[in-house]
């Protein structure tokens, strides 16, 4: 999907919903969930989801830089696969469990999985943004995760193309377009947080994603 269409998708649909993944207890994937993953995707997929769960438990309470680094590295080992090939859909935002269990995904899936992993580790949504950018070298739309240590500072960029975590002002290959999380939508810029456009974005993909995550959570019981 081109950048223009992705922009349209972000504004078309229903109001943002946030997911309450912010406590260590929520980082635990139940045995029931692992069993369901095994039934649908196979034994290796279940083991991979368990490794993600183990990572979150290991990182709980650790330094934020360690958390960012290990979460970024964990997901960057995943395989890149276009949605049309992987899910037979033009655009599909996988849950972290779907992304890991299915063995791959596109740039949105990498960024979303990192976002919810950091939320599970207790990082506030206010410090995290899913950011649409233009990858200039490839002339295509791309998504990364931005981490803001403090408001109105240059964020760190977690990316599956350049796997090094770097400040946004050192990523001249990326041209910011806009950013969002469960709390709002912002016009992006190279430095700082940008201008907030609204408290909630009109994003049917986000609503569908968070609905499936809630179903995964409810099915653990």
N, C-alpha and C. Protein backbone atom coordinates (compact mmCIF):
# COMPACT_ATOMS: atom_id res chain seq x y z
N UNK A 1 0.85 -1.19 0.00
CA UNK A 1 0.00 0.00 0.00
C UNK A 1 0.88 1.23 0.00
N UNK A 2 0.54 2.22 -0.87
CA UNK A 2 1.38 3.40 -0.94
C UNK A 2 1.10 4.36 0.21
N UNK A 3 1.97 5.38 0.32
CA UNK A 3 1.90 6.30 1.46
C UNK A 3 0.57 7.02 1.50
N UNK A 4 0.06 7.44 0.34
CA UNK A 4 -1.21 8.14 0.31
C UNK A 4 -2.33 7.28 0.86
N UNK A 5 -2.37 6.00 0.45
CA UNK A 5 -3.42 5.11 0.93
C UNK A 5 -3.29 4.81 2.40
N UNK A 6 -2.04 4.69 2.89
CA UNK A 6 -1.85 4.45 4.31
C UNK A 6 -2.35 5.65 5.13
N UNK A 7 -2.08 6.84 4.63
CA UNK A 7 -2.58 8.03 5.31
C UNK A 7 -4.10 8.01 5.38
N UNK A 8 -4.72 7.59 4.28
CA UNK A 8 -6.18 7.55 4.24
C UNK A 8 -6.71 6.53 5.24
N UNK A 9 -6.06 5.35 5.29
CA UNK A 9 -6.50 4.31 6.21
C UNK A 9 -6.44 4.80 7.65
N UNK A 10 -5.39 5.54 8.00
CA UNK A 10 -5.26 5.99 9.37
C UNK A 10 -6.43 6.87 9.79
N UNK A 11 -6.91 7.70 8.88
CA UNK A 11 -7.99 8.64 9.22
C UNK A 11 -9.37 8.05 8.99
N UNK A 12 -9.45 6.90 8.31
CA UNK A 12 -10.76 6.32 8.00
C UNK A 12 -11.07 5.20 8.97
N UNK A 13 -12.20 5.21 9.63
CA UNK A 13 -12.59 4.12 10.50
C UNK A 13 -13.10 4.59 11.83
N UNK A 14 -12.83 3.80 12.86
CA UNK A 14 -13.38 4.08 14.18
C UNK A 14 -12.36 4.71 15.10
N UNK A 15 -12.81 5.20 16.25
CA UNK A 15 -11.95 5.93 17.19
C UNK A 15 -10.96 4.98 17.84
N UNK A 16 -9.75 5.50 18.12
CA UNK A 16 -8.72 4.71 18.80
C UNK A 16 -9.27 4.08 20.09
N UNK A 17 -8.80 2.87 20.35
CA UNK A 17 -9.01 2.25 21.64
C UNK A 17 -7.64 1.87 22.17
N UNK A 18 -7.43 2.05 23.46
CA UNK A 18 -6.15 1.66 24.06
C UNK A 18 -6.28 0.31 24.73
N UNK A 19 -5.16 -0.36 24.87
CA UNK A 19 -5.12 -1.67 25.51
C UNK A 19 -4.37 -1.54 26.83
N UNK A 20 -4.93 -2.09 27.89
CA UNK A 20 -4.32 -1.95 29.21
C UNK A 20 -3.24 -3.01 29.42
N UNK A 21 -2.18 -2.88 28.62
CA UNK A 21 -1.01 -3.75 28.79
C UNK A 21 0.07 -2.92 29.45
N UNK A 22 0.07 -2.85 30.74
CA UNK A 22 1.04 -1.98 31.39
C UNK A 22 1.56 -2.53 32.70
N UNK A 23 1.19 -3.74 33.07
CA UNK A 23 1.67 -4.32 34.32
C UNK A 23 2.39 -5.61 34.03
N UNK A 24 3.30 -5.97 34.90
CA UNK A 24 4.08 -7.18 34.69
C UNK A 24 3.19 -8.41 34.56
N UNK A 25 2.10 -8.44 35.34
CA UNK A 25 1.20 -9.58 35.29
C UNK A 25 0.64 -9.80 33.89
N UNK A 26 0.42 -8.70 33.14
CA UNK A 26 -0.13 -8.80 31.80
C UNK A 26 0.90 -9.33 30.81
N UNK A 27 2.16 -9.37 31.20
CA UNK A 27 3.20 -9.86 30.29
C UNK A 27 3.20 -11.38 30.22
N UNK A 28 2.51 -12.04 31.14
CA UNK A 28 2.53 -13.49 31.19
C UNK A 28 1.54 -14.09 30.20
N UNK A 29 2.05 -14.91 29.30
CA UNK A 29 1.20 -15.64 28.36
C UNK A 29 0.82 -16.95 29.02
N UNK A 30 -0.46 -17.21 29.11
CA UNK A 30 -0.93 -18.39 29.84
C UNK A 30 -0.63 -19.68 29.09
N UNK A 31 -0.66 -20.79 29.83
CA UNK A 31 -0.47 -22.10 29.22
C UNK A 31 -1.60 -22.39 28.23
N UNK A 32 -2.78 -21.88 28.53
CA UNK A 32 -3.92 -22.08 27.64
C UNK A 32 -3.68 -21.40 26.30
N UNK A 33 -3.12 -20.17 26.34
CA UNK A 33 -2.82 -19.46 25.11
C UNK A 33 -1.74 -20.20 24.31
N UNK A 34 -0.71 -20.66 24.99
CA UNK A 34 0.35 -21.40 24.30
C UNK A 34 -0.19 -22.68 23.66
N UNK A 35 -1.15 -23.32 24.33
CA UNK A 35 -1.75 -24.52 23.78
C UNK A 35 -2.54 -24.20 22.51
N UNK A 36 -3.27 -23.08 22.54
CA UNK A 36 -4.04 -22.68 21.36
C UNK A 36 -3.12 -22.29 20.21
N UNK A 37 -2.01 -21.63 20.53
CA UNK A 37 -1.03 -21.29 19.50
C UNK A 37 -0.48 -22.56 18.86
N UNK A 38 -0.19 -23.55 19.68
CA UNK A 38 0.33 -24.82 19.18
C UNK A 38 -0.68 -25.50 18.26
N UNK A 39 -1.95 -25.45 18.64
CA UNK A 39 -2.99 -26.09 17.84
C UNK A 39 -3.14 -25.42 16.47
N UNK A 40 -2.99 -24.10 16.44
CA UNK A 40 -3.20 -23.35 15.20
C UNK A 40 -1.94 -23.28 14.35
N UNK A 41 -0.80 -22.99 15.00
CA UNK A 41 0.43 -22.70 14.25
C UNK A 41 1.51 -23.78 14.37
N UNK A 42 1.40 -24.65 15.37
CA UNK A 42 2.40 -25.69 15.53
C UNK A 42 3.27 -25.51 16.77
N UNK A 43 4.06 -26.53 17.05
CA UNK A 43 4.88 -26.56 18.27
C UNK A 43 5.94 -25.47 18.28
N UNK A 44 6.63 -25.28 17.16
CA UNK A 44 7.69 -24.27 17.11
C UNK A 44 7.12 -22.88 17.37
N UNK A 45 5.95 -22.60 16.83
CA UNK A 45 5.32 -21.30 17.04
C UNK A 45 5.01 -21.08 18.52
N UNK A 46 4.50 -22.11 19.16
CA UNK A 46 4.20 -22.02 20.59
C UNK A 46 5.47 -21.76 21.39
N UNK A 47 6.55 -22.42 21.02
CA UNK A 47 7.83 -22.21 21.71
C UNK A 47 8.34 -20.80 21.50
N UNK A 48 8.13 -20.26 20.31
CA UNK A 48 8.58 -18.89 20.03
C UNK A 48 7.79 -17.86 20.84
N UNK A 49 6.49 -18.07 20.98
CA UNK A 49 5.67 -17.18 21.81
C UNK A 49 6.12 -17.28 23.27
N UNK A 50 6.44 -18.49 23.71
CA UNK A 50 6.92 -18.68 25.09
C UNK A 50 8.24 -17.94 25.30
N UNK A 51 9.10 -17.90 24.28
CA UNK A 51 10.37 -17.16 24.39
C UNK A 51 10.12 -15.67 24.55
N UNK A 52 9.11 -15.15 23.85
CA UNK A 52 8.74 -13.74 24.01
C UNK A 52 8.27 -13.47 25.44
N UNK A 53 7.44 -14.37 25.93
CA UNK A 53 6.95 -14.23 27.30
C UNK A 53 8.11 -14.26 28.29
N UNK A 54 9.04 -15.17 28.09
CA UNK A 54 10.21 -15.27 28.97
C UNK A 54 11.04 -13.99 28.93
N UNK A 55 11.15 -13.42 27.73
CA UNK A 55 11.92 -12.17 27.58
C UNK A 55 11.28 -11.05 28.39
N UNK A 56 9.97 -10.92 28.30
CA UNK A 56 9.28 -9.85 29.03
C UNK A 56 9.45 -10.03 30.53
N UNK A 57 9.36 -11.25 31.00
CA UNK A 57 9.54 -11.50 32.43
C UNK A 57 10.98 -11.21 32.85
N UNK A 58 11.93 -11.56 31.99
CA UNK A 58 13.35 -11.29 32.27
C UNK A 58 13.64 -9.80 32.34
N UNK A 59 12.98 -9.02 31.47
CA UNK A 59 13.26 -7.59 31.37
C UNK A 59 12.49 -6.74 32.37
N UNK A 60 11.52 -7.33 33.04
CA UNK A 60 10.72 -6.57 33.99
C UNK A 60 11.62 -5.92 35.05
N UNK A 61 11.52 -4.60 35.20
CA UNK A 61 12.29 -3.89 36.21
C UNK A 61 13.69 -3.52 35.80
N UNK A 62 14.11 -3.92 34.59
CA UNK A 62 15.46 -3.59 34.15
C UNK A 62 15.52 -2.18 33.58
N UNK A 63 16.74 -1.70 33.33
CA UNK A 63 16.97 -0.38 32.77
C UNK A 63 16.28 -0.25 31.42
N UNK A 64 15.73 0.93 31.14
CA UNK A 64 14.96 1.15 29.92
C UNK A 64 15.80 0.91 28.66
N UNK A 65 17.06 1.26 28.69
CA UNK A 65 17.91 1.04 27.52
C UNK A 65 18.07 -0.45 27.24
N UNK A 66 18.18 -1.24 28.30
CA UNK A 66 18.28 -2.69 28.15
C UNK A 66 16.97 -3.24 27.59
N UNK A 67 15.86 -2.74 28.08
CA UNK A 67 14.56 -3.17 27.59
C UNK A 67 14.38 -2.85 26.11
N UNK A 68 14.69 -1.62 25.74
CA UNK A 68 14.56 -1.22 24.35
C UNK A 68 15.44 -2.08 23.43
N UNK A 69 16.68 -2.26 23.85
CA UNK A 69 17.63 -3.01 23.03
C UNK A 69 17.20 -4.45 22.81
N UNK A 70 16.80 -5.12 23.89
CA UNK A 70 16.47 -6.54 23.78
C UNK A 70 15.14 -6.77 23.08
N UNK A 71 14.18 -5.89 23.31
CA UNK A 71 12.90 -6.00 22.60
C UNK A 71 13.13 -5.76 21.10
N UNK A 72 13.90 -4.74 20.77
CA UNK A 72 14.21 -4.45 19.37
C UNK A 72 14.91 -5.62 18.70
N UNK A 73 15.91 -6.18 19.36
CA UNK A 73 16.65 -7.30 18.79
C UNK A 73 15.77 -8.54 18.63
N UNK A 74 14.93 -8.80 19.62
CA UNK A 74 14.08 -9.99 19.57
C UNK A 74 13.19 -9.97 18.33
N UNK A 75 12.51 -8.86 18.10
CA UNK A 75 11.58 -8.82 16.98
C UNK A 75 12.27 -8.64 15.63
N UNK A 76 13.44 -8.03 15.64
CA UNK A 76 14.15 -7.86 14.36
C UNK A 76 14.69 -9.16 13.81
N UNK A 77 14.61 -10.22 14.58
CA UNK A 77 14.98 -11.54 14.08
C UNK A 77 13.84 -12.18 13.28
N UNK A 78 12.66 -11.58 13.37
CA UNK A 78 11.52 -12.10 12.62
C UNK A 78 11.70 -11.85 11.12
N UNK A 79 10.99 -12.62 10.33
CA UNK A 79 11.07 -12.52 8.87
C UNK A 79 10.11 -11.46 8.36
N UNK A 80 10.57 -10.65 7.40
CA UNK A 80 9.69 -9.67 6.77
C UNK A 80 8.88 -10.35 5.68
N UNK A 81 7.54 -10.20 5.76
CA UNK A 81 6.63 -10.75 4.75
C UNK A 81 5.52 -9.73 4.51
N UNK A 82 5.23 -9.43 3.25
CA UNK A 82 4.15 -8.51 2.92
C UNK A 82 2.80 -9.09 3.33
N UNK A 83 1.87 -8.22 3.70
CA UNK A 83 0.55 -8.65 4.15
C UNK A 83 -0.18 -9.47 3.09
N UNK A 84 -0.08 -9.06 1.84
CA UNK A 84 -0.83 -9.74 0.79
C UNK A 84 -0.37 -11.19 0.63
N UNK A 85 0.90 -11.42 0.91
CA UNK A 85 1.45 -12.78 0.85
C UNK A 85 1.15 -13.54 2.13
N UNK A 86 1.32 -12.86 3.26
CA UNK A 86 1.24 -13.52 4.56
C UNK A 86 -0.20 -13.75 5.03
N UNK A 87 -1.05 -12.73 4.83
CA UNK A 87 -2.42 -12.80 5.35
C UNK A 87 -3.48 -12.75 4.24
N UNK A 88 -3.03 -12.65 3.00
CA UNK A 88 -3.94 -12.54 1.86
C UNK A 88 -4.86 -11.32 2.00
N UNK A 89 -4.29 -10.25 2.58
CA UNK A 89 -5.01 -8.98 2.74
C UNK A 89 -4.08 -7.84 2.35
N UNK A 90 -4.68 -6.77 1.84
CA UNK A 90 -3.89 -5.61 1.43
C UNK A 90 -3.17 -5.00 2.62
N UNK A 91 -3.86 -4.92 3.76
CA UNK A 91 -3.24 -4.36 4.96
C UNK A 91 -3.84 -5.04 6.18
N UNK A 92 -2.98 -5.59 7.02
CA UNK A 92 -3.42 -6.31 8.21
C UNK A 92 -2.43 -6.06 9.32
N UNK A 93 -2.92 -5.61 10.48
CA UNK A 93 -2.06 -5.38 11.62
C UNK A 93 -2.17 -6.55 12.57
N UNK A 94 -1.12 -7.35 12.64
CA UNK A 94 -1.12 -8.55 13.48
C UNK A 94 -0.90 -8.19 14.94
N UNK A 95 -1.49 -8.99 15.83
CA UNK A 95 -1.15 -8.87 17.25
C UNK A 95 0.26 -9.41 17.44
N UNK A 96 0.92 -9.06 18.54
CA UNK A 96 2.26 -9.63 18.77
C UNK A 96 2.27 -11.16 18.71
N UNK A 97 1.24 -11.79 19.27
CA UNK A 97 1.20 -13.26 19.25
C UNK A 97 1.05 -13.77 17.83
N UNK A 98 0.18 -13.13 17.03
CA UNK A 98 0.03 -13.53 15.63
C UNK A 98 1.33 -13.34 14.87
N UNK A 99 1.99 -12.23 15.10
CA UNK A 99 3.25 -11.93 14.42
C UNK A 99 4.30 -12.99 14.71
N UNK A 100 4.46 -13.32 15.98
CA UNK A 100 5.47 -14.31 16.37
C UNK A 100 5.08 -15.70 15.89
N UNK A 101 3.83 -16.08 16.14
CA UNK A 101 3.39 -17.44 15.84
C UNK A 101 3.37 -17.74 14.34
N UNK A 102 3.03 -16.73 13.54
CA UNK A 102 2.94 -16.95 12.10
C UNK A 102 4.30 -16.89 11.41
N UNK A 103 5.31 -16.44 12.14
CA UNK A 103 6.67 -16.48 11.61
C UNK A 103 7.09 -15.29 10.78
N UNK A 104 6.34 -14.19 10.85
CA UNK A 104 6.75 -13.01 10.09
C UNK A 104 5.67 -11.98 9.98
N UNK A 105 6.01 -10.87 9.33
CA UNK A 105 5.06 -9.78 9.13
C UNK A 105 5.76 -8.61 8.47
N UNK A 106 5.00 -7.52 8.28
CA UNK A 106 5.59 -6.35 7.65
C UNK A 106 5.97 -5.31 8.69
N UNK A 107 6.35 -4.10 8.23
CA UNK A 107 6.91 -3.11 9.15
C UNK A 107 5.94 -2.71 10.26
N UNK A 108 4.62 -2.67 9.95
CA UNK A 108 3.66 -2.36 11.01
C UNK A 108 3.70 -3.40 12.11
N UNK A 109 3.82 -4.67 11.73
CA UNK A 109 3.81 -5.76 12.71
C UNK A 109 5.05 -5.71 13.61
N UNK A 110 6.21 -5.41 13.02
CA UNK A 110 7.42 -5.24 13.82
C UNK A 110 7.22 -4.14 14.85
N UNK A 111 6.72 -2.99 14.40
CA UNK A 111 6.59 -1.82 15.27
C UNK A 111 5.51 -2.02 16.34
N UNK A 112 4.39 -2.61 15.95
CA UNK A 112 3.29 -2.84 16.89
C UNK A 112 3.72 -3.82 17.98
N UNK A 113 4.43 -4.88 17.59
CA UNK A 113 4.89 -5.86 18.57
C UNK A 113 5.85 -5.22 19.57
N UNK A 114 6.72 -4.34 19.08
CA UNK A 114 7.65 -3.64 19.98
C UNK A 114 6.88 -2.69 20.90
N UNK A 115 5.89 -2.00 20.34
CA UNK A 115 5.08 -1.06 21.12
C UNK A 115 4.41 -1.77 22.30
N UNK A 116 3.70 -2.85 22.02
CA UNK A 116 2.98 -3.53 23.09
C UNK A 116 3.90 -4.28 24.05
N UNK A 117 5.07 -4.67 23.58
CA UNK A 117 6.05 -5.26 24.49
C UNK A 117 6.54 -4.23 25.50
N UNK A 118 6.82 -3.03 25.02
CA UNK A 118 7.26 -1.97 25.93
C UNK A 118 6.14 -1.55 26.87
N UNK A 119 4.90 -1.57 26.38
CA UNK A 119 3.76 -1.26 27.26
C UNK A 119 3.65 -2.33 28.35
N UNK A 120 3.85 -3.59 27.96
CA UNK A 120 3.78 -4.68 28.93
C UNK A 120 4.85 -4.55 30.00
N UNK A 121 5.97 -3.92 29.64
CA UNK A 121 7.07 -3.71 30.60
C UNK A 121 6.85 -2.48 31.46
N UNK A 122 5.73 -1.80 31.27
CA UNK A 122 5.39 -0.68 32.12
C UNK A 122 5.72 0.69 31.57
N UNK A 123 6.18 0.77 30.32
CA UNK A 123 6.49 2.08 29.72
C UNK A 123 5.17 2.77 29.37
N UNK A 124 4.97 4.00 29.81
CA UNK A 124 3.71 4.71 29.53
C UNK A 124 3.50 4.93 28.04
N UNK A 125 2.24 4.92 27.62
CA UNK A 125 1.92 5.18 26.22
C UNK A 125 2.40 6.56 25.79
N UNK A 126 2.46 7.49 26.74
CA UNK A 126 2.89 8.86 26.41
C UNK A 126 4.34 8.92 25.94
N UNK A 127 5.12 7.87 26.21
CA UNK A 127 6.52 7.84 25.79
C UNK A 127 6.73 7.06 24.50
N UNK A 128 5.67 6.50 23.96
CA UNK A 128 5.79 5.63 22.79
C UNK A 128 4.90 6.13 21.66
N UNK A 129 5.42 6.07 20.45
CA UNK A 129 4.64 6.42 19.27
C UNK A 129 4.91 5.43 18.15
N UNK A 130 3.87 4.98 17.51
CA UNK A 130 4.00 4.30 16.24
C UNK A 130 4.06 5.38 15.18
N UNK A 131 5.14 5.44 14.43
CA UNK A 131 5.37 6.57 13.53
C UNK A 131 5.46 6.11 12.08
N UNK A 132 4.56 6.67 11.27
CA UNK A 132 4.67 6.47 9.83
C UNK A 132 5.70 7.44 9.28
N UNK A 133 6.58 6.91 8.45
CA UNK A 133 7.63 7.69 7.83
C UNK A 133 7.71 7.30 6.35
N UNK A 134 8.46 8.08 5.60
CA UNK A 134 8.81 7.67 4.25
C UNK A 134 10.26 7.22 4.28
N UNK A 135 10.51 5.98 3.92
CA UNK A 135 11.87 5.46 3.82
C UNK A 135 12.45 5.95 2.50
N UNK A 136 13.29 6.97 2.57
CA UNK A 136 13.73 7.67 1.36
C UNK A 136 14.54 6.78 0.43
N UNK A 137 15.36 5.91 1.00
CA UNK A 137 16.20 5.04 0.18
C UNK A 137 15.37 4.09 -0.67
N UNK A 138 14.21 3.69 -0.12
CA UNK A 138 13.36 2.74 -0.82
C UNK A 138 12.14 3.42 -1.45
N UNK A 139 11.96 4.72 -1.16
CA UNK A 139 10.83 5.49 -1.69
C UNK A 139 9.50 4.80 -1.37
N UNK A 140 9.32 4.45 -0.10
CA UNK A 140 8.10 3.76 0.28
C UNK A 140 7.68 4.15 1.70
N UNK A 141 6.40 3.91 1.99
CA UNK A 141 5.89 4.12 3.34
C UNK A 141 6.47 3.07 4.27
N UNK A 142 6.70 3.47 5.51
CA UNK A 142 7.34 2.58 6.47
C UNK A 142 6.86 2.97 7.87
N UNK A 143 6.87 2.03 8.78
CA UNK A 143 6.51 2.33 10.16
C UNK A 143 7.65 1.96 11.10
N UNK A 144 7.90 2.80 12.09
CA UNK A 144 8.89 2.54 13.13
C UNK A 144 8.25 2.84 14.49
N UNK A 145 8.93 2.44 15.54
CA UNK A 145 8.51 2.79 16.90
C UNK A 145 9.44 3.88 17.41
N UNK A 146 8.86 4.96 17.94
CA UNK A 146 9.63 6.05 18.53
C UNK A 146 9.46 6.04 20.04
N UNK A 147 10.58 6.16 20.75
CA UNK A 147 10.57 6.23 22.21
C UNK A 147 11.04 7.59 22.67
N UNK A 148 10.23 8.28 23.48
CA UNK A 148 10.53 9.61 24.00
C UNK A 148 10.85 9.52 25.49
N UNK A 149 12.10 9.73 25.83
CA UNK A 149 12.50 9.72 27.23
C UNK A 149 11.83 10.86 27.98
N UNK A 150 11.76 12.03 27.33
CA UNK A 150 11.11 13.21 27.89
C UNK A 150 10.27 13.88 26.80
N UNK A 151 9.22 14.61 27.19
CA UNK A 151 8.43 15.32 26.17
C UNK A 151 9.29 16.31 25.39
N UNK A 152 8.96 16.47 24.14
CA UNK A 152 9.59 17.48 23.27
C UNK A 152 11.10 17.30 23.11
N UNK A 153 11.54 16.05 23.16
CA UNK A 153 12.95 15.76 22.87
C UNK A 153 13.00 14.87 21.64
N UNK A 154 14.18 14.75 21.08
CA UNK A 154 14.36 13.87 19.92
C UNK A 154 14.19 12.42 20.37
N UNK A 155 13.28 11.67 19.75
CA UNK A 155 13.05 10.29 20.20
C UNK A 155 14.10 9.33 19.66
N UNK A 156 14.16 8.16 20.28
CA UNK A 156 14.94 7.05 19.75
C UNK A 156 14.05 6.27 18.79
N UNK A 157 14.65 5.75 17.72
CA UNK A 157 13.89 5.04 16.70
C UNK A 157 14.24 3.56 16.73
N UNK A 158 13.21 2.73 16.87
CA UNK A 158 13.36 1.27 16.79
C UNK A 158 12.81 0.85 15.44
N UNK A 159 13.65 0.21 14.64
CA UNK A 159 13.35 0.00 13.22
C UNK A 159 13.78 -1.39 12.81
N UNK A 160 13.08 -1.97 11.84
CA UNK A 160 13.48 -3.28 11.33
C UNK A 160 14.34 -3.18 10.08
N UNK A 161 14.51 -1.97 9.52
CA UNK A 161 15.42 -1.78 8.38
C UNK A 161 16.83 -1.52 8.90
N UNK A 162 17.01 -0.42 9.61
CA UNK A 162 18.26 -0.16 10.31
C UNK A 162 18.07 -0.67 11.73
N UNK A 163 18.71 -1.74 12.06
CA UNK A 163 18.43 -2.43 13.32
C UNK A 163 19.09 -1.78 14.54
N UNK A 164 19.90 -0.74 14.31
CA UNK A 164 20.50 0.00 15.41
C UNK A 164 19.51 1.03 15.94
N UNK A 165 19.41 1.14 17.26
CA UNK A 165 18.55 2.15 17.86
C UNK A 165 19.29 3.48 17.83
N UNK A 166 18.73 4.44 17.10
CA UNK A 166 19.39 5.74 16.93
C UNK A 166 18.40 6.87 17.19
N UNK A 167 18.90 8.06 17.60
CA UNK A 167 18.03 9.23 17.70
C UNK A 167 17.46 9.57 16.32
N UNK A 168 16.24 10.10 16.32
CA UNK A 168 15.57 10.40 15.05
C UNK A 168 16.37 11.37 14.19
N UNK A 169 17.11 12.29 14.82
CA UNK A 169 17.88 13.26 14.03
C UNK A 169 19.13 12.65 13.40
N UNK A 170 19.38 11.37 13.69
CA UNK A 170 20.45 10.65 13.00
C UNK A 170 19.91 9.68 11.95
N UNK A 171 18.62 9.76 11.71
CA UNK A 171 17.99 8.91 10.70
C UNK A 171 17.55 9.77 9.51
N UNK A 172 18.53 10.29 8.80
CA UNK A 172 18.24 11.13 7.65
C UNK A 172 17.58 10.38 6.51
N UNK A 173 17.56 9.04 6.61
CA UNK A 173 16.92 8.23 5.58
C UNK A 173 15.42 8.12 5.78
N UNK A 174 14.91 8.68 6.90
CA UNK A 174 13.48 8.61 7.19
C UNK A 174 12.88 10.01 7.20
N UNK A 175 11.77 10.17 6.54
CA UNK A 175 11.04 11.43 6.54
C UNK A 175 9.72 11.24 7.30
N UNK A 176 9.59 11.81 8.51
CA UNK A 176 8.37 11.60 9.32
C UNK A 176 7.12 12.14 8.63
N UNK A 177 6.03 11.44 8.81
CA UNK A 177 4.74 11.86 8.26
C UNK A 177 3.75 12.14 9.38
N UNK A 178 3.47 11.16 10.21
CA UNK A 178 2.64 11.35 11.40
C UNK A 178 2.90 10.20 12.36
N UNK A 179 2.48 10.36 13.60
CA UNK A 179 2.66 9.33 14.60
C UNK A 179 1.40 9.21 15.44
N UNK A 180 1.26 8.07 16.12
CA UNK A 180 0.07 7.84 16.92
C UNK A 180 0.34 6.76 17.96
N UNK A 181 -0.55 6.69 18.93
CA UNK A 181 -0.62 5.59 19.89
C UNK A 181 -2.06 5.47 20.34
N UNK A 182 -2.33 4.81 21.46
CA UNK A 182 -3.70 4.66 21.92
C UNK A 182 -4.29 5.94 22.46
N UNK A 183 -3.50 6.99 22.57
CA UNK A 183 -3.97 8.23 23.18
C UNK A 183 -4.20 9.36 22.19
N UNK A 184 -3.66 9.27 20.98
CA UNK A 184 -3.86 10.37 20.06
C UNK A 184 -3.07 10.25 18.78
N UNK A 185 -3.24 11.25 17.95
CA UNK A 185 -2.61 11.32 16.64
C UNK A 185 -1.87 12.64 16.52
N UNK A 186 -0.64 12.58 16.02
CA UNK A 186 0.19 13.77 15.93
C UNK A 186 0.73 13.94 14.51
N UNK A 187 0.83 15.20 14.08
CA UNK A 187 1.59 15.51 12.88
C UNK A 187 3.06 15.40 13.27
N UNK A 188 3.81 14.57 12.58
CA UNK A 188 5.19 14.29 12.98
C UNK A 188 6.14 15.33 12.43
N UNK A 189 7.29 15.44 13.10
CA UNK A 189 8.39 16.25 12.61
C UNK A 189 9.69 15.60 13.03
N UNK A 190 10.80 16.10 12.49
CA UNK A 190 12.09 15.44 12.71
C UNK A 190 12.49 15.42 14.18
N UNK A 191 12.20 16.47 14.90
CA UNK A 191 12.60 16.53 16.30
C UNK A 191 11.39 16.86 17.15
N UNK A 192 11.37 16.31 18.35
CA UNK A 192 10.27 16.59 19.26
C UNK A 192 9.04 15.77 18.93
N UNK A 193 7.95 16.13 19.56
CA UNK A 193 6.76 15.30 19.52
C UNK A 193 5.79 15.68 18.41
N UNK A 194 5.95 16.83 17.80
CA UNK A 194 5.02 17.24 16.77
C UNK A 194 3.77 17.86 17.37
N UNK A 195 2.84 18.21 16.53
CA UNK A 195 1.60 18.86 16.94
C UNK A 195 0.49 17.83 17.02
N UNK A 196 -0.16 17.76 18.19
CA UNK A 196 -1.27 16.82 18.33
C UNK A 196 -2.46 17.31 17.53
N UNK A 197 -3.00 16.39 16.71
CA UNK A 197 -4.12 16.74 15.85
C UNK A 197 -5.46 16.47 16.52
N UNK A 198 -5.52 15.41 17.30
CA UNK A 198 -6.76 15.06 17.96
C UNK A 198 -6.47 14.06 19.06
N UNK A 199 -7.41 13.93 20.00
CA UNK A 199 -7.24 13.03 21.13
C UNK A 199 -7.38 11.57 20.71
N UNK A 200 -8.11 11.33 19.68
CA UNK A 200 -8.26 9.97 19.18
C UNK A 200 -8.23 9.98 17.67
N UNK A 201 -7.56 9.01 17.08
CA UNK A 201 -7.51 8.95 15.64
C UNK A 201 -8.61 8.06 15.09
N UNK A 202 -8.98 8.25 13.86
CA UNK A 202 -9.98 7.40 13.21
C UNK A 202 -9.25 6.27 12.52
N UNK A 203 -9.12 5.14 13.19
CA UNK A 203 -8.27 4.08 12.69
C UNK A 203 -8.92 2.73 12.88
N UNK A 204 -9.52 2.21 11.82
CA UNK A 204 -10.20 0.93 11.89
C UNK A 204 -9.21 -0.21 12.09
N UNK A 205 -7.99 -0.08 11.54
CA UNK A 205 -6.99 -1.12 11.72
C UNK A 205 -6.58 -1.24 13.18
N UNK A 206 -6.42 -0.09 13.85
CA UNK A 206 -6.06 -0.10 15.27
C UNK A 206 -7.19 -0.72 16.09
N UNK A 207 -8.43 -0.35 15.79
CA UNK A 207 -9.57 -0.91 16.53
C UNK A 207 -9.63 -2.42 16.36
N UNK A 208 -9.43 -2.89 15.13
CA UNK A 208 -9.46 -4.32 14.86
C UNK A 208 -8.33 -5.04 15.60
N UNK A 209 -7.14 -4.43 15.58
CA UNK A 209 -5.99 -5.01 16.28
C UNK A 209 -6.26 -5.15 17.77
N UNK A 210 -6.69 -4.05 18.41
CA UNK A 210 -6.89 -4.09 19.86
C UNK A 210 -8.05 -5.00 20.25
N UNK A 211 -9.05 -5.11 19.38
CA UNK A 211 -10.16 -6.03 19.65
C UNK A 211 -9.66 -7.47 19.67
N UNK A 212 -8.77 -7.81 18.71
CA UNK A 212 -8.23 -9.17 18.69
C UNK A 212 -7.31 -9.42 19.88
N UNK A 213 -6.59 -8.39 20.32
CA UNK A 213 -5.75 -8.55 21.51
C UNK A 213 -6.60 -8.77 22.75
N UNK A 214 -7.71 -8.08 22.84
CA UNK A 214 -8.61 -8.28 23.97
C UNK A 214 -9.20 -9.69 23.94
N UNK A 215 -9.51 -10.19 22.76
CA UNK A 215 -10.00 -11.56 22.64
C UNK A 215 -8.95 -12.56 23.09
N UNK A 216 -7.69 -12.32 22.68
CA UNK A 216 -6.60 -13.20 23.12
C UNK A 216 -6.50 -13.20 24.64
N UNK A 217 -6.64 -12.02 25.23
CA UNK A 217 -6.53 -11.90 26.68
C UNK A 217 -7.69 -12.61 27.37
N UNK A 218 -8.89 -12.41 26.85
CA UNK A 218 -10.07 -13.05 27.45
C UNK A 218 -10.04 -14.55 27.31
N UNK A 219 -9.47 -15.04 26.20
CA UNK A 219 -9.42 -16.48 25.96
C UNK A 219 -8.37 -17.20 26.80
N UNK A 220 -7.54 -16.43 27.51
CA UNK A 220 -6.53 -17.06 28.36
C UNK A 220 -7.17 -17.73 29.57
N UNK A 221 -8.35 -17.27 29.93
CA UNK A 221 -8.99 -17.79 31.15
C UNK A 221 -9.68 -19.11 30.89
